[in-house]
PDB file of N, CA and C in Angstrom:
ATOM      1  N   MET A   1       0.872  -1.096   0.110  1.00  0.00           N
ATOM      2  CA  MET A   1      -0.034  -0.219  -0.007  1.00  0.00           C
ATOM      3  C   MET A   1       0.810   0.999  -0.067  1.00  0.00           C
ATOM      4  N   THR A   2       0.622   2.299  -0.686  1.00  0.00           N
ATOM      5  CA  THR A   2       1.155   3.387  -0.926  1.00  0.00           C
ATOM      6  C   THR A   2       0.955   4.269   0.327  1.00  0.00           C
ATOM      7  N   HIS A   3       1.943   5.114   0.225  1.00  0.00           N
ATOM      8  CA  HIS A   3       1.537   6.077   1.623  1.00  0.00           C
ATOM      9  C   HIS A   3       0.474   6.952   1.175  1.00  0.00           C
ATOM     10  N   GLY A   4       0.102   7.374  -0.039  1.00  0.00           N
ATOM     11  CA  GLY A   4      -1.124   7.858  -0.244  1.00  0.00           C
ATOM     12  C   GLY A   4      -2.678   7.406   0.032  1.00  0.00           C
ATOM     13  N   ALA A   5      -2.189   5.877  -0.611  1.00  0.00           N
ATOM     14  CA  ALA A   5      -3.475   5.009   0.005  1.00  0.00           C
ATOM     15  C   ALA A   5      -4.195   5.007   1.301  1.00  0.00           C
ATOM     16  N   LYS A   6      -2.431   4.849   1.874  1.00  0.00           N
ATOM     17  CA  LYS A   6      -2.899   4.799   3.430  1.00  0.00           C
ATOM     18  C   LYS A   6      -3.465   5.571   4.080  1.00  0.00           C
ATOM     19  N   LEU A   7      -2.977   6.988   3.767  1.00  0.00           N
ATOM     20  CA  LEU A   7      -3.652   8.399   4.186  1.00  0.00           C
ATOM     21  C   LEU A   7      -5.171   8.136   3.701  1.00  0.00           C
ATOM     22  N   ARG A   8      -5.312   8.147   2.647  1.00  0.00           N
ATOM     23  CA  ARG A   8      -6.898   7.884   2.211  1.00  0.00           C
ATOM     24  C   ARG A   8      -7.590   7.199   2.819  1.00  0.00           C
ATOM     25  N   GLN A   9      -6.961   5.729   2.946  1.00  0.00           N
ATOM     26  CA  GLN A   9      -7.934   4.745   4.037  1.00  0.00           C
ATOM     27  C   GLN A   9      -8.189   5.405   5.402  1.00  0.00           C
ATOM     28  N   ALA A  10      -6.921   5.919   5.921  1.00  0.00           N
ATOM     29  CA  ALA A  10      -7.018   6.349   7.152  1.00  0.00           C
ATOM     30  C   ALA A  10      -8.303   7.353   7.262  1.00  0.00           C
ATOM     31  N   ALA A  11      -8.297   8.085   6.170  1.00  0.00           N
ATOM     32  CA  ALA A  11      -9.962   9.359   5.984  1.00  0.00           C
ATOM     33  C   ALA A  11     -10.738   8.763   6.276  1.00  0.00           C
ATOM     34  N   VAL A  12     -10.771   7.671   5.283  1.00  0.00           N
ATOM     35  CA  VAL A  12     -12.271   6.729   5.227  1.00  0.00           C
ATOM     36  C   VAL A  12     -12.652   6.006   6.494  1.00  0.00           C
ATOM     37  N   ASP A  13     -11.701   5.639   7.023  1.00  0.00           N
ATOM     38  CA  ASP A  13     -11.484   4.994   8.402  1.00  0.00           C
ATOM     39  C   ASP A  13     -12.480   6.123   9.420  1.00  0.00           C
ATOM     40  N   TYR A  14     -11.633   7.271   9.379  1.00  0.00           N
ATOM     41  CA  TYR A  14     -12.125   8.250  10.192  1.00  0.00           C
ATOM     42  C   TYR A  14     -13.563   8.719  10.095  1.00  0.00           C
ATOM     43  N   VAL A  15     -14.174   9.005   8.834  1.00  0.00           N
ATOM     44  CA  VAL A  15     -15.307   9.381   8.328  1.00  0.00           C
ATOM     45  C   VAL A  15     -16.377   8.314   8.773  1.00  0.00           C
ATOM     46  N   ALA A  16     -16.081   6.685   8.221  1.00  0.00           N
ATOM     47  CA  ALA A  16     -16.910   5.845   8.686  1.00  0.00           C
ATOM     48  C   ALA A  16     -17.363   5.375  10.274  1.00  0.00           C
ATOM     49  N   ASP A  17     -16.136   6.020  10.825  1.00  0.00           N
ATOM     50  CA  ASP A  17     -16.118   5.907  12.487  1.00  0.00           C
ATOM     51  C   ASP A  17     -17.082   7.011  12.943  1.00  0.00           C
ATOM     52  N   VAL A  18     -16.724   8.222  12.310  1.00  0.00           N
ATOM     53  CA  VAL A  18     -17.887   9.606  12.622  1.00  0.00           C
ATOM     54  C   VAL A  18     -19.433   9.345  12.424  1.00  0.00           C
ATOM     55  N   VAL A  19     -19.526   8.672  10.921  1.00  0.00           N
ATOM     56  CA  VAL A  19     -21.162   8.666  10.562  1.00  0.00           C
ATOM     57  C   VAL A  19     -21.678   7.249  11.202  1.00  0.00           C
ATOM     58  N   LYS A  20     -20.706   6.174  11.569  1.00  0.00           N
ATOM     59  CA  LYS A  20     -21.670   5.072  12.427  1.00  0.00           C
ATOM     60  C   LYS A  20     -21.696   4.209  11.177  1.00  0.00           C
ATOM     61  N   VAL A  21     -20.901   3.838   9.937  1.00  0.00           N
ATOM     62  CA  VAL A  21     -21.106   2.764   9.057  1.00  0.00           C
ATOM     63  C   VAL A  21     -19.842   2.100   8.729  1.00  0.00           C
ATOM     64  N   PRO A  22     -19.933   0.839   8.445  1.00  0.00           N
ATOM     65  CA  PRO A  22     -18.877   0.060   8.015  1.00  0.00           C
ATOM     66  C   PRO A  22     -17.787   0.873   6.896  1.00  0.00           C
ATOM     67  N   ALA A  23     -16.585   1.050   6.761  1.00  0.00           N
ATOM     68  CA  ALA A  23     -15.369   1.610   5.852  1.00  0.00           C
ATOM     69  C   ALA A  23     -15.852   1.372   4.635  1.00  0.00           C
ATOM     70  N   GLU A  24     -15.904  -0.275   4.362  1.00  0.00           N
ATOM     71  CA  GLU A  24     -16.506  -0.625   3.258  1.00  0.00           C
ATOM     72  C   GLU A  24     -17.630   0.088   2.666  1.00  0.00           C
ATOM     73  N   ALA A  25     -18.647   0.480   3.187  1.00  0.00           N
ATOM     74  CA  ALA A  25     -19.637   0.998   2.581  1.00  0.00           C
ATOM     75  C   ALA A  25     -19.584   2.521   1.864  1.00  0.00           C
ATOM     76  N   LEU A  26     -18.277   3.118   2.584  1.00  0.00           N
ATOM     77  CA  LEU A  26     -18.108   4.267   2.104  1.00  0.00           C
ATOM     78  C   LEU A  26     -17.636   4.197   0.628  1.00  0.00           C
ATOM     79  N   ALA A  27     -17.316   3.275   0.155  1.00  0.00           N
ATOM     80  CA  ALA A  27     -16.501   2.574  -1.316  1.00  0.00           C
ATOM     81  C   ALA A  27     -17.805   2.836  -2.221  1.00  0.00           C
ATOM     82  N   LYS A  28     -18.939   2.457  -1.617  1.00  0.00           N
ATOM     83  CA  LYS A  28     -19.973   2.245  -2.847  1.00  0.00           C
ATOM     84  C   LYS A  28     -20.838   3.502  -2.664  1.00  0.00           C
ATOM     85  N   TYR A  29     -20.410   4.589  -2.098  1.00  0.00           N
ATOM     86  CA  TYR A  29     -21.099   5.682  -1.803  1.00  0.00           C
ATOM     87  C   TYR A  29     -20.646   6.494  -3.068  1.00  0.00           C
ATOM     88  N   GLY A  30     -21.668   6.876  -4.246  1.00  0.00           N
ATOM     89  CA  GLY A  30     -21.416   7.510  -5.439  1.00  0.00           C
ATOM     90  C   GLY A  30     -21.462   8.912  -4.940  1.00  0.00           C
ATOM     91  N   LEU A  31     -20.565   9.703  -5.285  1.00  0.00           N
ATOM     92  CA  LEU A  31     -20.224  11.252  -4.820  1.00  0.00           C
ATOM     93  C   LEU A  31     -20.896  12.251  -5.778  1.00  0.00           C
ATOM     94  N   SER A  32     -21.624  11.402  -7.303  1.00  0.00           N
ATOM     95  CA  SER A  32     -22.407  12.686  -7.749  1.00  0.00           C
ATOM     96  C   SER A  32     -23.646  11.823  -7.838  1.00  0.00           C
ATOM     97  N   SER A  33     -24.306  11.243  -6.908  1.00  0.00           N
ATOM     98  CA  SER A  33     -25.283  10.775  -6.784  1.00  0.00           C
ATOM     99  C   SER A  33     -26.371  11.864  -6.436  1.00  0.00           C
ATOM    100  N   ARG A  34     -27.988  11.770  -6.597  1.00  0.00           N
ATOM    101  CA  ARG A  34     -28.605  12.861  -5.746  1.00  0.00           C
ATOM    102  C   ARG A  34     -28.415  12.863  -4.198  1.00  0.00           C
ATOM    103  N   SER A  35     -28.353  11.632  -3.578  1.00  0.00           N
ATOM    104  CA  SER A  35     -28.036  11.453  -2.236  1.00  0.00           C
ATOM    105  C   SER A  35     -26.671  12.112  -1.753  1.00  0.00           C
ATOM    106  N   ALA A  36     -25.751  12.176  -2.080  1.00  0.00           N
ATOM    107  CA  ALA A  36     -24.772  12.582  -2.254  1.00  0.00           C
ATOM    108  C   ALA A  36     -24.477  14.345  -1.874  1.00  0.00           C
ATOM    109  N   LYS A  37     -25.415  14.468  -3.024  1.00  0.00           N
ATOM    110  CA  LYS A  37     -25.470  16.271  -3.537  1.00  0.00           C
ATOM    111  C   LYS A  37     -26.357  16.788  -2.385  1.00  0.00           C
ATOM    112  N   GLY A  38     -27.263  16.034  -1.746  1.00  0.00           N
ATOM    113  CA  GLY A  38     -27.985  16.657  -0.731  1.00  0.00           C
ATOM    114  C   GLY A  38     -27.511  16.460   0.655  1.00  0.00           C
ATOM    115  N   HIS A  39     -26.430  15.592   0.764  1.00  0.00           N
ATOM    116  CA  HIS A  39     -25.797  15.468   2.129  1.00  0.00           C
ATOM    117  C   HIS A  39     -25.024  16.603   2.212  1.00  0.00           C
ATOM    118  N   ARG A  40     -24.137  16.887   0.976  1.00  0.00           N
ATOM    119  CA  ARG A  40     -23.398  18.215   0.846  1.00  0.00           C
ATOM    120  C   ARG A  40     -24.155  19.615   1.062  1.00  0.00           C
ATOM    121  N   THR A  41     -25.231  19.378   0.593  1.00  0.00           N
ATOM    122  CA  THR A  41     -26.047  20.708   1.001  1.00  0.00           C
ATOM    123  C   THR A  41     -26.158  20.638   2.533  1.00  0.00           C
ATOM    124  N   GLN A  42     -26.566  19.711   3.209  1.00  0.00           N
ATOM    125  CA  GLN A  42     -26.627  19.598   4.574  1.00  0.00           C
ATOM    126  C   GLN A  42     -25.668  19.804   5.337  1.00  0.00           C
ATOM    127  N   ILE A  43     -24.374  19.242   4.959  1.00  0.00           N
ATOM    128  CA  ILE A  43     -23.216  19.484   5.453  1.00  0.00           C
ATOM    129  C   ILE A  43     -22.762  21.173   5.343  1.00  0.00           C
ATOM    130  N   ARG A  44     -22.907  21.718   4.345  1.00  0.00           N
ATOM    131  CA  ARG A  44     -22.581  23.261   4.230  1.00  0.00           C
ATOM    132  C   ARG A  44     -23.749  23.895   5.035  1.00  0.00           C
ATOM    133  N   GLU A  45     -24.956  23.702   4.990  1.00  0.00           N
ATOM    134  CA  GLU A  45     -25.827  24.392   5.743  1.00  0.00           C
ATOM    135  C   GLU A  45     -25.737  24.346   7.446  1.00  0.00           C
ATOM    136  N   ALA A  46     -25.423  23.177   7.606  1.00  0.00           N
ATOM    137  CA  ALA A  46     -25.032  22.871   9.046  1.00  0.00           C
ATOM    138  C   ALA A  46     -23.638  23.903   9.905  1.00  0.00           C
ATOM    139  N   LEU A  47     -22.687  23.723   8.742  1.00  0.00           N
ATOM    140  CA  LEU A  47     -21.394  24.527   8.938  1.00  0.00           C
ATOM    141  C   LEU A  47     -21.257  25.771   8.832  1.00  0.00           C
ATOM    142  N   GLY A  48     -22.277  26.064   7.958  1.00  0.00           N
ATOM    143  CA  GLY A  48     -22.332  27.908   7.483  1.00  0.00           C
ATOM    144  C   GLY A  48     -21.629  28.258   5.966  1.00  0.00           C
ATOM    145  N   PHE A  49     -21.456  27.118   5.226  1.00  0.00           N
ATOM    146  CA  PHE A  49     -20.593  27.203   4.008  1.00  0.00           C
ATOM    147  C   PHE A  49     -21.568  27.401   3.397  1.00  0.00           C
ATOM    148  N   ARG A  50     -20.757  27.662   1.899  1.00  0.00           N
ATOM    149  CA  ARG A  50     -21.915  27.672   0.679  1.00  0.00           C
ATOM    150  C   ARG A  50     -21.050  27.184  -0.138  1.00  0.00           C
ATOM    151  N   PRO A  51     -21.323  27.150  -1.409  1.00  0.00           N
ATOM    152  CA  PRO A  51     -20.642  26.603  -2.941  1.00  0.00           C
ATOM    153  C   PRO A  51     -19.711  27.628  -3.000  1.00  0.00           C
ATOM    154  N   GLU A  52     -18.467  27.164  -3.653  1.00  0.00           N
ATOM    155  CA  GLU A  52     -17.704  27.777  -3.942  1.00  0.00           C
ATOM    156  C   GLU A  52     -18.032  29.067  -5.525  1.00  0.00           C
ATOM    157  N   THR A  53     -17.099  30.121  -5.675  1.00  0.00           N
ATOM    158  CA  THR A  53     -17.647  30.783  -6.657  1.00  0.00           C
ATOM    159  C   THR A  53     -16.428  31.186  -6.975  1.00  0.00           C
ATOM    160  N   ARG A  54     -16.393  31.492  -8.528  1.00  0.00           N
ATOM    161  CA  ARG A  54     -15.592  32.114  -9.509  1.00  0.00           C
ATOM    162  C   ARG A  54     -14.493  33.132  -8.750  1.00  0.00           C
ATOM    163  N   ALA A  55     -15.320  33.920  -8.051  1.00  0.00           N
ATOM    164  CA  ALA A  55     -14.443  34.917  -7.121  1.00  0.00           C
ATOM    165  C   ALA A  55     -14.072  34.274  -6.123  1.00  0.00           C
ATOM    166  N   ASP A  56     -14.291  33.044  -5.418  1.00  0.00           N
ATOM    167  CA  ASP A  56     -13.509  32.482  -4.534  1.00  0.00           C
ATOM    168  C   ASP A  56     -12.207  31.852  -5.214  1.00  0.00           C
ATOM    169  N   GLU A  57     -12.850  31.662  -6.063  1.00  0.00           N
ATOM    170  CA  GLU A  57     -11.462  30.833  -7.069  1.00  0.00           C
ATOM    171  C   GLU A  57     -10.216  31.828  -7.235  1.00  0.00           C
ATOM    172  N   GLN A  58     -10.726  33.046  -7.511  1.00  0.00           N
ATOM    173  CA  GLN A  58      -9.995  34.233  -8.189  1.00  0.00           C
ATOM    174  C   GLN A  58      -9.156  34.450  -6.765  1.00  0.00           C
ATOM    175  N   ARG A  59      -9.799  34.705  -5.671  1.00  0.00           N
ATOM    176  CA  ARG A  59      -9.249  35.401  -4.364  1.00  0.00           C
ATOM    177  C   ARG A  59      -8.048  33.944  -4.040  1.00  0.00           C
ATOM    178  N   LEU A  60      -8.604  32.713  -3.970  1.00  0.00           N
ATOM    179  CA  LEU A  60      -7.846  31.693  -3.556  1.00  0.00           C
ATOM    180  C   LEU A  60      -6.214  31.460  -4.667  1.00  0.00           C
ATOM    181  N   THR A  61      -6.415  31.577  -6.171  1.00  0.00           N
ATOM    182  CA  THR A  61      -5.399  31.875  -7.113  1.00  0.00           C
ATOM    183  C   THR A  61      -4.135  32.973  -6.584  1.00  0.00           C
ATOM    184  N   GLU A  62      -4.913  33.853  -6.174  1.00  0.00           N
ATOM    185  CA  GLU A  62      -4.223  35.425  -6.139  1.00  0.00           C
ATOM    186  C   GLU A  62      -3.298  35.214  -4.642  1.00  0.00           C
ATOM    187  N   TRP A  63      -4.295  34.485  -3.637  1.00  0.00           N
ATOM    188  CA  TRP A  63      -3.543  34.313  -2.289  1.00  0.00           C
ATOM    189  C   TRP A  63      -2.655  33.303  -2.620  1.00  0.00           C
ATOM    190  N   LEU A  64      -2.781  32.250  -3.560  1.00  0.00           N
ATOM    191  CA  LEU A  64      -1.308  31.277  -3.328  1.00  0.00           C
ATOM    192  C   LEU A  64      -0.422  32.076  -4.263  1.00  0.00           C
ATOM    193  N   SER A  65      -0.583  32.580  -5.501  1.00  0.00           N
ATOM    194  CA  SER A  65       0.615  33.108  -5.847  1.00  0.00           C
ATOM    195  C   SER A  65       1.176  34.221  -5.021  1.00  0.00           C
ATOM    196  N   THR A  66       0.645  35.023  -4.063  1.00  0.00           N
ATOM    197  CA  THR A  66       1.245  35.990  -3.715  1.00  0.00           C
ATOM    198  C   THR A  66       2.022  35.404  -2.115  1.00  0.00           C
ATOM    199  N   GLU A  67       1.443  34.546  -1.299  1.00  0.00           N
ATOM    200  CA  GLU A  67       2.071  33.944  -0.186  1.00  0.00           C
ATOM    201  C   GLU A  67       2.586  32.862  -0.132  1.00  0.00           C
ATOM    202  N   VAL A  68       2.339  31.631  -1.206  1.00  0.00           N
ATOM    203  CA  VAL A  68       2.633  30.168  -0.972  1.00  0.00           C
ATOM    204  C   VAL A  68       4.136  30.188  -2.545  1.00  0.00           C
ATOM    205  N   CYS A  69       3.520  30.804  -3.210  1.00  0.00           N
ATOM    206  CA  CYS A  69       4.361  30.160  -4.276  1.00  0.00           C
ATOM    207  C   CYS A  69       5.709  30.765  -4.124  1.00  0.00           C
ATOM    208  N   PRO A  70       5.983  32.734  -3.917  1.00  0.00           N
ATOM    209  CA  PRO A  70       7.278  32.841  -3.669  1.00  0.00           C
ATOM    210  C   PRO A  70       7.926  32.062  -2.325  1.00  0.00           C
ATOM    211  N   VAL A  71       7.088  31.424  -1.425  1.00  0.00           N
ATOM    212  CA  VAL A  71       8.328  30.881  -0.581  1.00  0.00           C
ATOM    213  C   VAL A  71       8.587  29.554  -1.072  1.00  0.00           C
ATOM    214  N   GLU A  72       7.672  28.825  -1.857  1.00  0.00           N
ATOM    215  CA  GLU A  72       8.344  27.722  -2.321  1.00  0.00           C
ATOM    216  C   GLU A  72       9.148  28.018  -3.490  1.00  0.00           C
ATOM    217  N   LEU A  73       9.149  28.894  -4.264  1.00  0.00           N
ATOM    218  CA  LEU A  73      10.467  29.340  -5.141  1.00  0.00           C
ATOM    219  C   LEU A  73      11.773  29.751  -4.350  1.00  0.00           C
ATOM    220  N   ARG A  74      11.438  30.220  -3.553  1.00  0.00           N
ATOM    221  CA  ARG A  74      12.915  30.821  -2.519  1.00  0.00           C
ATOM    222  C   ARG A  74      13.049  29.067  -1.907  1.00  0.00           C
ATOM    223  N   LEU A  75      12.504  28.386  -1.263  1.00  0.00           N
ATOM    224  CA  LEU A  75      13.090  27.138  -0.681  1.00  0.00           C
ATOM    225  C   LEU A  75      13.714  26.308  -1.633  1.00  0.00           C
ATOM    226  N   VAL A  76      13.132  26.329  -2.861  1.00  0.00           N
ATOM    227  CA  VAL A  76      14.060  25.852  -4.086  1.00  0.00           C
ATOM    228  C   VAL A  76      14.819  25.924  -4.498  1.00  0.00           C
ATOM    229  N   SER A  77      15.107  27.503  -4.707  1.00  0.00           N
ATOM    230  CA  SER A  77      16.597  27.993  -5.316  1.00  0.00           C
ATOM    231  C   SER A  77      17.436  28.153  -4.183  1.00  0.00           C
ATOM    232  N   GLU A  78      17.256  27.838  -2.693  1.00  0.00           N
ATOM    233  CA  GLU A  78      18.249  27.437  -1.917  1.00  0.00           C
ATOM    234  C   GLU A  78      18.843  26.047  -1.738  1.00  0.00           C
ATOM    235  N   LEU A  79      17.855  25.231  -2.329  1.00  0.00           N
ATOM    236  CA  LEU A  79      18.387  23.714  -2.206  1.00  0.00           C
ATOM    237  C   LEU A  79      19.658  23.820  -2.882  1.00  0.00           C
ATOM    238  N   GLY A  80      20.374  22.970  -2.674  1.00  0.00           N
ATOM    239  CA  GLY A  80      21.461  22.422  -3.356  1.00  0.00           C
ATOM    240  C   GLY A  80      21.540  21.559  -4.789  1.00  0.00           C
ATOM    241  N   PRO A  81      22.275  21.126  -5.558  1.00  0.00           N
ATOM    242  CA  PRO A  81      22.413  20.356  -6.768  1.00  0.00           C
ATOM    243  C   PRO A  81      21.939  18.888  -6.156  1.00  0.00           C
ATOM    244  N   GLN A  82      22.370  18.815  -5.233  1.00  0.00           N
ATOM    245  CA  GLN A  82      22.409  17.305  -4.460  1.00  0.00           C
ATOM    246  C   GLN A  82      20.809  16.843  -3.845  1.00  0.00           C
ATOM    247  N   ASP A  83      19.953  18.097  -3.360  1.00  0.00           N
ATOM    248  CA  ASP A  83      18.988  18.123  -3.135  1.00  0.00           C
ATOM    249  C   ASP A  83      17.802  18.094  -4.052  1.00  0.00           C
ATOM    250  N   ARG A  84      18.131  18.156  -4.997  1.00  0.00           N
ATOM    251  CA  ARG A  84      17.121  18.614  -6.036  1.00  0.00           C
ATOM    252  C   ARG A  84      16.543  17.045  -6.749  1.00  0.00           C
TER     253      ARG A  84
END
């Protein structure tokens, strides 16, 4: 099992425990089904969230480009050839 698969399985196990269903049942849950869409709506309403908009996407893109990318580029430039 890869590291990513282990993380995904840990997330599935956690969610299954929270909603009190077997982890195997979550594998059968269709994320594009009507039920899933309704569940997402219920979760957003319960937590005070809303579907994302293009404006949200633009703000996130701007934030990533100004706050995250410069740091990442600086860190990469500080690496020596042996670290790349």
